[in-house]
N, C-alpha and C. Protein backbone atom coordinates (compact mmCIF):
# COMPACT_ATOMS: atom_id res chain seq x y z
N MET A 1 -50.92 37.11 -12.19
CA MET A 1 -50.77 38.51 -12.47
C MET A 1 -49.31 38.76 -12.82
N ASN A 2 -48.97 38.61 -14.06
CA ASN A 2 -47.61 38.87 -14.51
C ASN A 2 -47.61 40.23 -15.19
N VAL A 3 -47.03 41.24 -14.53
CA VAL A 3 -47.09 42.61 -15.02
C VAL A 3 -45.70 43.23 -15.05
N ASN A 4 -45.56 44.19 -15.93
CA ASN A 4 -44.34 45.00 -15.93
C ASN A 4 -44.37 45.92 -14.73
N THR A 5 -43.21 46.33 -14.29
CA THR A 5 -43.13 47.25 -13.17
C THR A 5 -43.25 48.67 -13.72
N ASN A 6 -44.39 49.27 -13.52
CA ASN A 6 -44.64 50.64 -13.93
C ASN A 6 -44.76 51.48 -12.68
N ASN A 7 -44.22 52.66 -12.72
CA ASN A 7 -44.22 53.50 -11.53
C ASN A 7 -45.28 54.58 -11.62
N PRO A 8 -45.95 54.85 -10.48
CA PRO A 8 -46.86 55.99 -10.45
C PRO A 8 -46.09 57.29 -10.68
N ARG A 9 -46.79 58.36 -10.97
CA ARG A 9 -46.15 59.65 -11.24
C ARG A 9 -45.25 60.10 -10.10
N TRP A 10 -45.64 59.79 -8.87
CA TRP A 10 -44.89 60.28 -7.72
C TRP A 10 -43.67 59.42 -7.37
N TRP A 11 -43.49 58.30 -8.03
CA TRP A 11 -42.41 57.37 -7.70
C TRP A 11 -41.06 57.98 -8.05
N GLY A 12 -40.11 57.90 -7.14
CA GLY A 12 -38.77 58.41 -7.39
C GLY A 12 -37.70 57.43 -6.95
N ASP A 13 -36.46 57.86 -7.02
CA ASP A 13 -35.34 57.00 -6.65
C ASP A 13 -35.44 56.52 -5.20
N ALA A 14 -35.96 57.37 -4.31
CA ALA A 14 -36.07 56.98 -2.90
C ALA A 14 -37.04 55.82 -2.75
N HIS A 15 -38.10 55.79 -3.56
CA HIS A 15 -39.05 54.68 -3.48
C HIS A 15 -38.40 53.39 -3.99
N THR A 16 -37.67 53.50 -5.09
CA THR A 16 -36.96 52.33 -5.62
C THR A 16 -35.96 51.82 -4.60
N SER A 17 -35.20 52.72 -4.02
CA SER A 17 -34.20 52.34 -3.03
C SER A 17 -34.86 51.68 -1.81
N GLY A 18 -35.95 52.27 -1.33
CA GLY A 18 -36.66 51.70 -0.19
C GLY A 18 -37.18 50.32 -0.49
N TRP A 19 -37.76 50.14 -1.68
CA TRP A 19 -38.27 48.83 -2.06
C TRP A 19 -37.14 47.82 -2.18
N GLU A 20 -36.05 48.20 -2.82
CA GLU A 20 -34.93 47.28 -2.97
C GLU A 20 -34.38 46.86 -1.61
N ARG A 21 -34.43 47.76 -0.64
CA ARG A 21 -33.92 47.45 0.70
C ARG A 21 -34.79 46.40 1.39
N VAL A 22 -36.10 46.44 1.22
CA VAL A 22 -36.97 45.53 1.96
C VAL A 22 -37.46 44.34 1.14
N LYS A 23 -37.26 44.38 -0.18
CA LYS A 23 -37.85 43.36 -1.06
C LYS A 23 -37.49 41.93 -0.66
N GLU A 24 -36.22 41.64 -0.47
CA GLU A 24 -35.83 40.27 -0.18
C GLU A 24 -36.33 39.81 1.19
N ALA A 25 -36.35 40.73 2.17
CA ALA A 25 -36.90 40.37 3.48
C ALA A 25 -38.38 40.02 3.36
N MET A 26 -39.12 40.81 2.57
CA MET A 26 -40.54 40.53 2.38
C MET A 26 -40.75 39.25 1.58
N HIS A 27 -39.86 39.00 0.60
CA HIS A 27 -39.96 37.76 -0.18
C HIS A 27 -39.78 36.56 0.74
N ARG A 28 -38.78 36.62 1.62
CA ARG A 28 -38.54 35.51 2.56
C ARG A 28 -39.74 35.35 3.50
N ASP A 29 -40.30 36.46 3.97
CA ASP A 29 -41.46 36.40 4.85
C ASP A 29 -42.65 35.78 4.11
N TRP A 30 -42.81 36.14 2.85
CA TRP A 30 -43.88 35.60 2.01
C TRP A 30 -43.74 34.08 1.89
N GLU A 31 -42.55 33.60 1.58
CA GLU A 31 -42.33 32.16 1.44
C GLU A 31 -42.54 31.43 2.77
N GLN A 32 -42.07 32.02 3.87
CA GLN A 32 -42.25 31.40 5.19
C GLN A 32 -43.72 31.35 5.56
N THR A 33 -44.45 32.43 5.30
CA THR A 33 -45.89 32.46 5.62
C THR A 33 -46.63 31.39 4.84
N LYS A 34 -46.30 31.25 3.55
CA LYS A 34 -46.94 30.19 2.76
C LYS A 34 -46.63 28.82 3.34
N ALA A 35 -45.38 28.60 3.75
CA ALA A 35 -45.00 27.31 4.36
C ALA A 35 -45.76 27.09 5.65
N ASP A 36 -45.88 28.14 6.46
CA ASP A 36 -46.59 28.01 7.74
C ASP A 36 -48.06 27.68 7.54
N PHE A 37 -48.72 28.38 6.64
CA PHE A 37 -50.16 28.21 6.47
C PHE A 37 -50.53 26.98 5.64
N SER A 38 -49.59 26.47 4.87
CA SER A 38 -49.91 25.29 4.05
C SER A 38 -49.38 24.01 4.67
N GLY A 39 -48.80 24.10 5.86
CA GLY A 39 -48.21 22.92 6.48
C GLY A 39 -47.00 22.43 5.72
N GLY A 40 -46.31 23.32 5.04
CA GLY A 40 -45.10 22.97 4.30
C GLY A 40 -45.36 22.50 2.88
N LYS A 41 -46.62 22.54 2.44
CA LYS A 41 -46.93 22.09 1.07
C LYS A 41 -46.55 23.12 0.03
N SER A 42 -46.50 24.39 0.42
CA SER A 42 -46.00 25.43 -0.48
C SER A 42 -45.12 26.36 0.34
N GLY A 43 -44.43 27.25 -0.33
CA GLY A 43 -43.51 28.13 0.36
C GLY A 43 -42.23 27.39 0.75
N LYS A 44 -41.42 28.06 1.56
CA LYS A 44 -40.14 27.48 1.98
C LYS A 44 -39.93 27.72 3.47
N GLU A 45 -39.40 26.72 4.14
CA GLU A 45 -39.07 26.86 5.56
C GLU A 45 -37.72 27.56 5.65
N LEU A 46 -37.74 28.81 6.08
CA LEU A 46 -36.54 29.63 6.13
C LEU A 46 -36.19 30.07 7.54
N ARG A 47 -36.91 29.55 8.53
CA ARG A 47 -36.76 30.01 9.93
C ARG A 47 -36.90 31.53 9.98
N GLN A 48 -37.83 32.05 9.19
CA GLN A 48 -38.07 33.49 9.10
C GLN A 48 -39.26 33.83 9.98
N ASP A 49 -39.03 34.68 10.95
CA ASP A 49 -40.14 35.16 11.75
C ASP A 49 -40.23 36.68 11.62
N ALA A 50 -41.20 37.27 12.28
CA ALA A 50 -41.41 38.71 12.15
C ALA A 50 -40.16 39.49 12.54
N GLY A 51 -39.45 39.04 13.57
CA GLY A 51 -38.23 39.71 13.98
C GLY A 51 -37.17 39.70 12.89
N ASP A 52 -37.05 38.56 12.19
CA ASP A 52 -36.10 38.48 11.08
C ASP A 52 -36.50 39.44 9.96
N THR A 53 -37.78 39.45 9.62
CA THR A 53 -38.24 40.31 8.53
C THR A 53 -37.98 41.77 8.84
N VAL A 54 -38.33 42.20 10.04
CA VAL A 54 -38.12 43.61 10.41
C VAL A 54 -36.63 43.91 10.45
N GLY A 55 -35.84 43.04 11.08
CA GLY A 55 -34.40 43.26 11.17
C GLY A 55 -33.73 43.32 9.80
N GLN A 56 -34.13 42.43 8.90
CA GLN A 56 -33.56 42.42 7.56
C GLN A 56 -34.01 43.65 6.77
N ALA A 57 -35.28 44.02 6.88
CA ALA A 57 -35.79 45.18 6.15
C ALA A 57 -35.11 46.47 6.62
N LEU A 58 -34.78 46.54 7.90
CA LEU A 58 -34.10 47.72 8.44
C LEU A 58 -32.60 47.69 8.17
N GLY A 59 -32.09 46.56 7.69
CA GLY A 59 -30.66 46.43 7.45
C GLY A 59 -29.87 46.06 8.68
N ASN A 60 -30.55 45.65 9.75
CA ASN A 60 -29.88 45.28 11.00
C ASN A 60 -29.52 43.80 11.05
N GLN A 61 -30.01 43.03 10.10
CA GLN A 61 -29.78 41.59 10.10
C GLN A 61 -29.45 41.15 8.69
N ARG A 62 -28.42 40.34 8.55
CA ARG A 62 -27.99 39.83 7.25
C ARG A 62 -29.05 38.88 6.69
N ILE A 63 -29.24 38.94 5.38
CA ILE A 63 -30.16 38.02 4.71
C ILE A 63 -29.32 36.89 4.11
N PRO A 64 -29.58 35.65 4.50
CA PRO A 64 -28.82 34.53 3.92
C PRO A 64 -29.01 34.45 2.40
N ALA A 65 -28.01 33.98 1.72
CA ALA A 65 -28.06 33.85 0.26
C ALA A 65 -29.09 32.81 -0.16
N GLY A 66 -29.73 33.08 -1.27
CA GLY A 66 -30.65 32.12 -1.86
C GLY A 66 -31.77 31.72 -0.92
N ASP A 67 -32.06 30.43 -0.91
CA ASP A 67 -33.15 29.91 -0.08
C ASP A 67 -32.62 29.30 1.21
N ARG A 68 -31.45 29.73 1.64
CA ARG A 68 -30.90 29.19 2.89
C ARG A 68 -31.67 29.75 4.08
N PRO A 69 -31.97 28.91 5.06
CA PRO A 69 -32.68 29.37 6.25
C PRO A 69 -31.82 30.34 7.06
N ASN A 70 -32.48 31.15 7.84
CA ASN A 70 -31.77 32.01 8.79
C ASN A 70 -31.05 31.12 9.80
N PRO A 71 -29.88 31.55 10.27
CA PRO A 71 -29.21 30.76 11.30
C PRO A 71 -30.03 30.81 12.59
N PRO A 72 -29.84 29.84 13.46
CA PRO A 72 -30.52 29.92 14.75
C PRO A 72 -30.15 31.23 15.44
N ASP A 73 -31.10 31.79 16.14
CA ASP A 73 -30.85 33.06 16.81
C ASP A 73 -29.67 32.93 17.75
N PRO A 74 -28.68 33.84 17.62
CA PRO A 74 -27.54 33.78 18.51
C PRO A 74 -27.92 34.26 19.90
N GLY A 75 -26.91 34.36 20.76
CA GLY A 75 -27.11 34.74 22.16
C GLY A 75 -28.00 35.95 22.37
N ASP A 76 -27.98 36.40 23.54
CA ASP A 76 -28.91 37.41 24.03
C ASP A 76 -28.32 38.80 23.88
N VAL A 77 -28.88 39.60 23.00
CA VAL A 77 -28.46 40.99 22.88
C VAL A 77 -29.65 41.78 23.41
N ARG A 78 -29.65 42.02 24.71
CA ARG A 78 -30.85 42.50 25.40
C ARG A 78 -31.43 43.80 24.86
N GLU A 79 -30.64 44.81 24.70
CA GLU A 79 -31.20 46.10 24.27
C GLU A 79 -31.73 46.02 22.85
N ALA A 80 -30.96 45.41 21.95
CA ALA A 80 -31.43 45.27 20.57
C ALA A 80 -32.68 44.40 20.53
N ALA A 81 -32.69 43.35 21.33
CA ALA A 81 -33.86 42.47 21.36
C ALA A 81 -35.09 43.20 21.89
N ARG A 82 -34.90 44.04 22.91
CA ARG A 82 -36.03 44.78 23.46
C ARG A 82 -36.63 45.73 22.41
N LYS A 83 -35.77 46.45 21.71
CA LYS A 83 -36.25 47.36 20.67
C LYS A 83 -36.91 46.59 19.54
N GLN A 84 -36.29 45.50 19.15
CA GLN A 84 -36.86 44.71 18.06
C GLN A 84 -38.18 44.07 18.50
N ASP A 85 -38.28 43.68 19.77
CA ASP A 85 -39.53 43.11 20.26
C ASP A 85 -40.68 44.11 20.14
N GLN A 86 -40.40 45.37 20.40
CA GLN A 86 -41.44 46.38 20.24
C GLN A 86 -41.89 46.46 18.79
N LEU A 87 -40.93 46.45 17.87
CA LEU A 87 -41.29 46.46 16.45
C LEU A 87 -42.05 45.19 16.06
N VAL A 88 -41.62 44.07 16.61
CA VAL A 88 -42.27 42.80 16.30
C VAL A 88 -43.72 42.81 16.79
N GLU A 89 -43.96 43.35 17.98
CA GLU A 89 -45.33 43.44 18.48
C GLU A 89 -46.20 44.25 17.53
N GLN A 90 -45.69 45.37 17.07
CA GLN A 90 -46.43 46.19 16.11
C GLN A 90 -46.66 45.42 14.82
N PHE A 91 -45.59 44.78 14.35
CA PHE A 91 -45.67 44.02 13.11
C PHE A 91 -46.67 42.88 13.23
N ASN A 92 -46.62 42.13 14.35
CA ASN A 92 -47.53 41.02 14.55
C ASN A 92 -48.98 41.48 14.62
N ALA A 93 -49.23 42.59 15.29
CA ALA A 93 -50.60 43.11 15.38
C ALA A 93 -51.11 43.46 13.98
N ARG A 94 -50.27 44.11 13.20
CA ARG A 94 -50.68 44.46 11.83
C ARG A 94 -50.80 43.22 10.96
N THR A 95 -49.89 42.27 11.16
CA THR A 95 -49.95 41.05 10.37
C THR A 95 -51.24 40.30 10.65
N GLU A 96 -51.58 40.16 11.92
CA GLU A 96 -52.80 39.43 12.27
C GLU A 96 -54.03 40.12 11.68
N ARG A 97 -54.02 41.44 11.71
CA ARG A 97 -55.16 42.20 11.20
C ARG A 97 -55.21 42.22 9.68
N ASP A 98 -54.04 42.45 9.03
CA ASP A 98 -54.04 42.75 7.60
C ASP A 98 -53.48 41.64 6.72
N VAL A 99 -52.52 40.87 7.22
CA VAL A 99 -51.82 39.92 6.36
C VAL A 99 -52.33 38.50 6.50
N ALA A 100 -52.61 38.04 7.71
CA ALA A 100 -53.00 36.64 7.91
C ALA A 100 -54.19 36.24 7.05
N PRO A 101 -55.27 37.05 6.98
CA PRO A 101 -56.39 36.63 6.12
C PRO A 101 -55.98 36.52 4.66
N ILE A 102 -55.09 37.39 4.19
CA ILE A 102 -54.62 37.33 2.81
C ILE A 102 -53.78 36.08 2.61
N SER A 103 -52.87 35.82 3.53
CA SER A 103 -51.97 34.68 3.40
C SER A 103 -52.74 33.37 3.36
N ARG A 104 -53.77 33.28 4.17
CA ARG A 104 -54.54 32.02 4.18
C ARG A 104 -55.20 31.79 2.82
N ARG A 105 -55.62 32.86 2.17
CA ARG A 105 -56.30 32.73 0.90
C ARG A 105 -55.33 32.59 -0.26
N LEU A 106 -54.15 33.17 -0.15
CA LEU A 106 -53.22 33.20 -1.26
C LEU A 106 -52.00 32.32 -1.02
N ASP A 107 -52.14 31.27 -0.20
CA ASP A 107 -50.95 30.51 0.17
C ASP A 107 -50.26 29.85 -1.01
N ALA A 108 -50.94 29.73 -2.14
CA ALA A 108 -50.31 29.14 -3.31
C ALA A 108 -49.87 30.20 -4.32
N ALA A 109 -50.05 31.48 -4.01
CA ALA A 109 -49.68 32.53 -4.95
C ALA A 109 -48.16 32.56 -5.13
N ARG A 110 -47.76 32.96 -6.30
CA ARG A 110 -46.33 33.04 -6.61
C ARG A 110 -45.79 34.42 -6.24
N TRP A 111 -44.56 34.46 -5.75
CA TRP A 111 -43.90 35.73 -5.41
C TRP A 111 -43.86 36.64 -6.64
N GLU A 112 -43.59 36.08 -7.80
CA GLU A 112 -43.49 36.87 -9.01
C GLU A 112 -44.77 37.67 -9.26
N ASP A 113 -45.91 37.12 -8.86
CA ASP A 113 -47.19 37.82 -9.03
C ASP A 113 -47.49 38.75 -7.87
N ALA A 114 -47.03 38.40 -6.69
CA ALA A 114 -47.34 39.19 -5.50
C ALA A 114 -46.45 40.42 -5.36
N GLN A 115 -45.24 40.38 -5.89
CA GLN A 115 -44.30 41.45 -5.59
C GLN A 115 -44.68 42.79 -6.21
N HIS A 116 -45.35 42.81 -7.36
CA HIS A 116 -45.71 44.11 -7.97
C HIS A 116 -46.70 44.90 -7.12
N PRO A 117 -47.78 44.29 -6.67
CA PRO A 117 -48.67 45.05 -5.78
C PRO A 117 -47.99 45.41 -4.45
N MET A 118 -47.15 44.51 -3.93
CA MET A 118 -46.47 44.81 -2.67
C MET A 118 -45.48 45.95 -2.87
N ARG A 119 -44.80 45.97 -3.99
CA ARG A 119 -43.86 47.05 -4.32
C ARG A 119 -44.60 48.37 -4.42
N PHE A 120 -45.71 48.36 -5.13
CA PHE A 120 -46.53 49.56 -5.26
C PHE A 120 -46.97 50.06 -3.89
N GLY A 121 -47.48 49.16 -3.06
CA GLY A 121 -47.93 49.54 -1.73
C GLY A 121 -46.81 50.07 -0.87
N HIS A 122 -45.63 49.47 -0.96
CA HIS A 122 -44.49 49.94 -0.18
C HIS A 122 -44.12 51.36 -0.60
N GLY A 123 -44.07 51.60 -1.90
CA GLY A 123 -43.76 52.94 -2.38
C GLY A 123 -44.80 53.96 -1.95
N ALA A 124 -46.08 53.58 -2.07
CA ALA A 124 -47.15 54.50 -1.67
C ALA A 124 -47.12 54.76 -0.17
N GLY A 125 -46.84 53.74 0.61
CA GLY A 125 -46.78 53.90 2.06
C GLY A 125 -45.67 54.83 2.51
N SER A 126 -44.58 54.86 1.74
CA SER A 126 -43.49 55.77 2.09
C SER A 126 -43.67 57.15 1.44
N HIS A 127 -44.50 57.23 0.39
CA HIS A 127 -44.73 58.51 -0.30
C HIS A 127 -45.80 59.36 0.37
N TYR A 128 -46.92 58.73 0.67
CA TYR A 128 -48.06 59.47 1.21
C TYR A 128 -48.01 59.49 2.74
N SER A 129 -48.41 60.60 3.31
CA SER A 129 -48.50 60.69 4.77
C SER A 129 -49.91 60.38 5.27
N ASP A 130 -50.85 60.23 4.35
CA ASP A 130 -52.24 59.94 4.71
C ASP A 130 -52.36 58.55 5.32
N ASN A 131 -53.46 58.32 6.00
CA ASN A 131 -53.80 56.97 6.46
C ASN A 131 -54.58 56.28 5.36
N TRP A 132 -54.39 54.98 5.24
CA TRP A 132 -55.15 54.20 4.27
C TRP A 132 -56.54 54.00 4.87
N ASP A 133 -57.51 54.67 4.31
CA ASP A 133 -58.88 54.52 4.76
C ASP A 133 -59.79 54.64 3.55
N ASP A 134 -61.10 54.56 3.78
CA ASP A 134 -62.05 54.60 2.67
C ASP A 134 -61.99 55.90 1.89
N ALA A 135 -61.63 56.99 2.57
CA ALA A 135 -61.55 58.28 1.88
C ALA A 135 -60.29 58.39 1.02
N PHE A 136 -59.20 57.74 1.44
CA PHE A 136 -57.93 57.85 0.72
C PHE A 136 -57.76 56.78 -0.34
N GLU A 137 -58.37 55.64 -0.17
CA GLU A 137 -58.14 54.52 -1.08
C GLU A 137 -58.40 54.84 -2.55
N PRO A 138 -59.38 55.66 -2.91
CA PRO A 138 -59.56 55.97 -4.33
C PRO A 138 -58.30 56.58 -4.97
N ARG A 139 -57.51 57.31 -4.20
CA ARG A 139 -56.27 57.88 -4.73
C ARG A 139 -55.29 56.76 -5.09
N LEU A 140 -55.18 55.77 -4.20
CA LEU A 140 -54.30 54.64 -4.47
C LEU A 140 -54.78 53.84 -5.67
N ARG A 141 -56.08 53.64 -5.75
CA ARG A 141 -56.66 52.92 -6.88
C ARG A 141 -56.31 53.62 -8.19
N LYS A 142 -56.46 54.94 -8.21
CA LYS A 142 -56.16 55.73 -9.41
C LYS A 142 -54.68 55.58 -9.79
N ASP A 143 -53.79 55.70 -8.79
CA ASP A 143 -52.36 55.53 -9.05
C ASP A 143 -52.06 54.15 -9.61
N TRP A 144 -52.68 53.11 -9.03
CA TRP A 144 -52.47 51.74 -9.51
C TRP A 144 -52.95 51.60 -10.95
N GLU A 145 -54.15 52.05 -11.22
CA GLU A 145 -54.73 51.87 -12.56
C GLU A 145 -53.98 52.67 -13.62
N GLU A 146 -53.40 53.82 -13.25
CA GLU A 146 -52.57 54.57 -14.19
C GLU A 146 -51.24 53.87 -14.42
N SER A 147 -50.71 53.24 -13.40
CA SER A 147 -49.40 52.59 -13.50
C SER A 147 -49.47 51.19 -14.10
N TYR A 148 -50.56 50.49 -13.88
CA TYR A 148 -50.73 49.12 -14.35
C TYR A 148 -52.05 49.00 -15.12
N PRO A 149 -52.13 49.62 -16.30
CA PRO A 149 -53.37 49.57 -17.07
C PRO A 149 -53.79 48.12 -17.33
N GLY A 150 -55.05 47.87 -17.16
CA GLY A 150 -55.58 46.53 -17.40
C GLY A 150 -55.46 45.60 -16.21
N GLN A 151 -54.76 46.00 -15.16
CA GLN A 151 -54.64 45.19 -13.95
C GLN A 151 -55.62 45.71 -12.91
N ARG A 152 -56.51 44.87 -12.46
CA ARG A 152 -57.58 45.29 -11.56
C ARG A 152 -57.04 45.63 -10.16
N TRP A 153 -57.49 46.76 -9.65
CA TRP A 153 -57.14 47.18 -8.30
C TRP A 153 -57.61 46.15 -7.28
N GLU A 154 -58.78 45.58 -7.53
CA GLU A 154 -59.34 44.59 -6.60
C GLU A 154 -58.40 43.39 -6.45
N ASP A 155 -57.67 43.06 -7.50
CA ASP A 155 -56.73 41.93 -7.44
C ASP A 155 -55.43 42.31 -6.73
N ALA A 156 -55.10 43.59 -6.72
CA ALA A 156 -53.84 44.05 -6.15
C ALA A 156 -54.00 44.63 -4.75
N ARG A 157 -55.18 45.04 -4.38
CA ARG A 157 -55.42 45.83 -3.18
C ARG A 157 -54.83 45.22 -1.91
N GLU A 158 -55.13 43.98 -1.64
CA GLU A 158 -54.71 43.39 -0.37
C GLU A 158 -53.19 43.26 -0.29
N LEU A 159 -52.56 42.90 -1.39
CA LEU A 159 -51.11 42.79 -1.38
C LEU A 159 -50.46 44.17 -1.33
N ALA A 160 -51.08 45.15 -1.97
CA ALA A 160 -50.57 46.53 -1.85
C ALA A 160 -50.62 46.97 -0.39
N ARG A 161 -51.66 46.55 0.31
CA ARG A 161 -51.79 46.91 1.73
C ARG A 161 -50.66 46.30 2.57
N VAL A 162 -50.24 45.09 2.21
CA VAL A 162 -49.11 44.46 2.90
C VAL A 162 -47.86 45.31 2.72
N GLY A 163 -47.59 45.73 1.48
CA GLY A 163 -46.43 46.59 1.22
C GLY A 163 -46.53 47.92 1.93
N TRP A 164 -47.73 48.50 1.96
CA TRP A 164 -47.99 49.77 2.65
C TRP A 164 -47.64 49.64 4.14
N ASN A 165 -48.14 48.59 4.76
CA ASN A 165 -47.87 48.38 6.18
C ASN A 165 -46.39 48.18 6.46
N GLN A 166 -45.71 47.46 5.58
CA GLN A 166 -44.27 47.25 5.76
C GLN A 166 -43.54 48.58 5.65
N ALA A 167 -43.94 49.42 4.72
CA ALA A 167 -43.29 50.73 4.58
C ALA A 167 -43.47 51.56 5.84
N ARG A 168 -44.63 51.48 6.44
CA ARG A 168 -44.89 52.26 7.64
C ARG A 168 -44.05 51.78 8.83
N LEU A 169 -43.63 50.53 8.79
CA LEU A 169 -42.77 49.98 9.87
C LEU A 169 -41.29 50.28 9.63
N THR A 170 -40.91 50.42 8.35
CA THR A 170 -39.46 50.49 8.05
C THR A 170 -39.00 51.81 7.49
N THR A 171 -39.87 52.78 7.31
CA THR A 171 -39.41 54.07 6.78
C THR A 171 -39.61 55.16 7.80
């Protein structure tokens, strides 16, 4: 799925800024997940865990340049760790429910193809206050199909959901 980045009608500078803030953290998480689920046959070992992804997406943790792994976790910062642990628990619960089944199926997918639906989902998750459910999903489908003509919603849906969930954790 190689597509141009087209924005829904509601997309604004805040959505672009939000996506740019979390994009690299999600990219690293994507590569790490592929490495984890493929036994290292695809993806990259970056020592990226949910805590790193959340911390980087929030701007609380530096993202190493390029494909360099995260440094080993430094000493004990108890209060920050406690707060981050709460976010990680939420993230892990959502990941197990929404992301793990996708990752197992798409472990060979390329970031270049995955990032457009994830970007769309992240923007929608920060734009809409609704819950993603059967009643609301047709709105997202319409926005996707208007923004990416010829690209099937069914092909983008699960990855858009990953971006949506990330937006709900970081915005």
